[in-house]
Every structure is written in structure tokens, then in C-alpha cells.
C-alpha atoms as a PDB file:
ATOM      1  CA  MET A   1       0.000   0.000   0.000  1.00  0.00           C
ATOM      2  CA  TYR A   2       1.415   3.381  -1.056  1.00  0.00           C
ATOM      3  CA  LYS A   3       0.576   6.565   0.816  1.00  0.00           C
ATOM      4  CA  VAL A   4       0.375  10.287   0.131  1.00  0.00           C
ATOM      5  CA  GLU A   5       0.431  12.521   3.183  1.00  0.00           C
ATOM      6  CA  VAL A   6       0.664  16.240   3.850  1.00  0.00           C
ATOM      7  CA  LYS A   7       3.113  17.209   6.580  1.00  0.00           C
ATOM      8  CA  ASN A   8       2.565  20.360   8.668  1.00  0.00           C
ATOM      9  CA  PRO A   9      -0.610  21.504   6.811  1.00  0.00           C
ATOM     10  CA  CYS A  10      -1.111  25.264   6.548  1.00  0.00           C
ATOM     11  CA  ARG A  11      -4.393  27.121   6.970  1.00  0.00           C
ATOM     12  CA  CYS A  12      -4.974  27.245   3.200  1.00  0.00           C
ATOM     13  CA  PHE A  13      -4.657  23.459   3.045  1.00  0.00           C
ATOM     14  CA  LEU A  14      -7.032  22.916   5.954  1.00  0.00           C
ATOM     15  CA  ARG A  15      -9.675  25.103   4.279  1.00  0.00           C
ATOM     16  CA  SER A  16      -9.206  23.463   0.877  1.00  0.00           C
ATOM     17  CA  GLY A  17     -10.992  20.218   1.687  1.00  0.00           C
ATOM     18  CA  MET A  18      -8.090  18.184   0.277  1.00  0.00           C
ATOM     19  CA  ALA A  19      -7.327  14.885   1.996  1.00  0.00           C
ATOM     20  CA  GLU A  20      -4.375  14.940   4.376  1.00  0.00           C
ATOM     21  CA  HIS A  21      -3.786  11.156   4.035  1.00  0.00           C
ATOM     22  CA  GLN A  22      -4.515   8.927   1.033  1.00  0.00           C
ATOM     23  CA  ASN A  23      -3.744   5.296   0.175  1.00  0.00           C
ATOM     24  CA  PHE A  24      -3.064   3.859  -3.280  1.00  0.00           C
ATOM     25  CA  ALA A  25      -2.593   0.365  -4.674  1.00  0.00           C
ATOM     26  CA  ASN A  26       0.418   1.217  -6.822  1.00  0.00           C
ATOM     27  CA  LEU A  27       3.418   3.518  -6.892  1.00  0.00           C
ATOM     28  CA  ASP A  28       2.530   5.409 -10.060  1.00  0.00           C
ATOM     29  CA  GLU A  29      -0.910   6.428  -8.792  1.00  0.00           C
ATOM     30  CA  ALA A  30       0.506   7.672  -5.490  1.00  0.00           C
ATOM     31  CA  LYS A  31       3.310   9.594  -7.189  1.00  0.00           C
ATOM     32  CA  GLU A  32       0.945  11.175  -9.696  1.00  0.00           C
ATOM     33  CA  GLU A  33      -1.473  12.269  -6.956  1.00  0.00           C
ATOM     34  CA  ALA A  34       1.300  13.719  -4.767  1.00  0.00           C
ATOM     35  CA  TYR A  35       2.710  15.856  -7.579  1.00  0.00           C
ATOM     36  CA  LYS A  36      -0.769  16.858  -8.753  1.00  0.00           C
ATOM     37  CA  MET A  37      -1.685  18.003  -5.235  1.00  0.00           C
ATOM     38  CA  ALA A  38       1.574  19.932  -4.779  1.00  0.00           C
ATOM     39  CA  GLU A  39       1.082  21.669  -8.132  1.00  0.00           C
ATOM     40  CA  GLN A  40      -2.503  22.618  -7.283  1.00  0.00           C
ATOM     41  CA  MET A  41      -1.463  23.877  -3.849  1.00  0.00           C
ATOM     42  CA  GLN A  42       1.351  25.954  -5.368  1.00  0.00           C
ATOM     43  CA  LYS A  43      -1.048  27.492  -7.885  1.00  0.00           C
ATOM     44  CA  ASP A  44      -4.170  28.055  -5.738  1.00  0.00           C
ATOM     45  CA  PHE A  45      -2.973  28.780  -2.214  1.00  0.00           C
ATOM     46  CA  CYS A  46      -1.955  32.132  -0.644  1.00  0.00           C
ATOM     47  CA  LYS A  47       1.617  32.191  -2.037  1.00  0.00           C
ATOM     48  CA  LYS A  48       3.195  32.366   1.428  1.00  0.00           C
ATOM     49  CA  HIS A  49       4.484  28.778   1.160  1.00  0.00           C
ATOM     50  CA  ASP A  50       6.204  26.423  -1.238  1.00  0.00           C
ATOM     51  CA  PHE A  51       5.394  22.733  -1.457  1.00  0.00           C
ATOM     52  CA  VAL A  52       7.970  19.955  -1.765  1.00  0.00           C
ATOM     53  CA  VAL A  53       7.248  16.284  -2.541  1.00  0.00           C
ATOM     54  CA  MET A  54       9.581  13.690  -1.037  1.00  0.00           C
ATOM     55  CA  GLN A  55       9.414   9.903  -1.241  1.00  0.00           C
ATOM     56  CA  THR A  56      10.409   7.791   1.738  1.00  0.00           C
ATOM     57  CA  GLY A  57       9.837   4.102   1.217  1.00  0.00           C
ATOM     58  CA  LEU A  58       6.171   3.619   0.306  1.00  0.00           C
ATOM     59  CA  THR A  59       5.129   7.144   1.302  1.00  0.00           C
ATOM     60  CA  PHE A  60       5.065  10.385  -0.669  1.00  0.00           C
ATOM     61  CA  SER A  61       5.104  13.339   1.725  1.00  0.00           C
ATOM     62  CA  ILE A  62       4.190  16.872   0.746  1.00  0.00           C
ATOM     63  CA  SER A  63       5.984  19.290   3.024  1.00  0.00           C
ATOM     64  CA  ILE A  64       4.925  22.889   3.338  1.00  0.00           C
ATOM     65  CA  VAL A  65       7.846  25.296   3.693  1.00  0.00           C
ATOM     66  CA  PRO A  66       7.896  29.097   4.066  1.00  0.00           C
ATOM     67  CA  ARG A  67       8.632  30.989   0.901  1.00  0.00           C
ATOM     68  CA  GLY A  68      11.719  33.082   0.888  1.00  0.00           C
END
């Protein structure tokens, strides 16, 4: 089971209705969803943060980091 999770969610994320944790049957689906979410967050959120996708084992984590 592959996972996508959002680490340290910001206020914009919490209001977005996006899922903080998701499970997928295969690697490609999880990877695609993680990068799709990060791209959407980068485009639609308040522009105070950047979003970085990292893979650790079976988990893709989206970390929210301050811009600057």
C-alpha cells in the first residue's frame, strides 16, 4: 500500500478540503497524486508557502515550507 500525506498543513490546506492522508494500490498512482496536489497547492494557495514532494519508502510526503 502506497501513501500520500501532507506534513505540517497550513491554513490554506485545511480550508481546501483536500485529503491529508490517502492510500493507493500502486506507486505510479501515489506519485501522480502527490505531484498533482503539490502543483494545485502551489497554484491556488496564498503564495506564502512552497510545497515539496519527497518519497520515503512507500510514502510520498508533501511538506509545506515558508517561501523566501
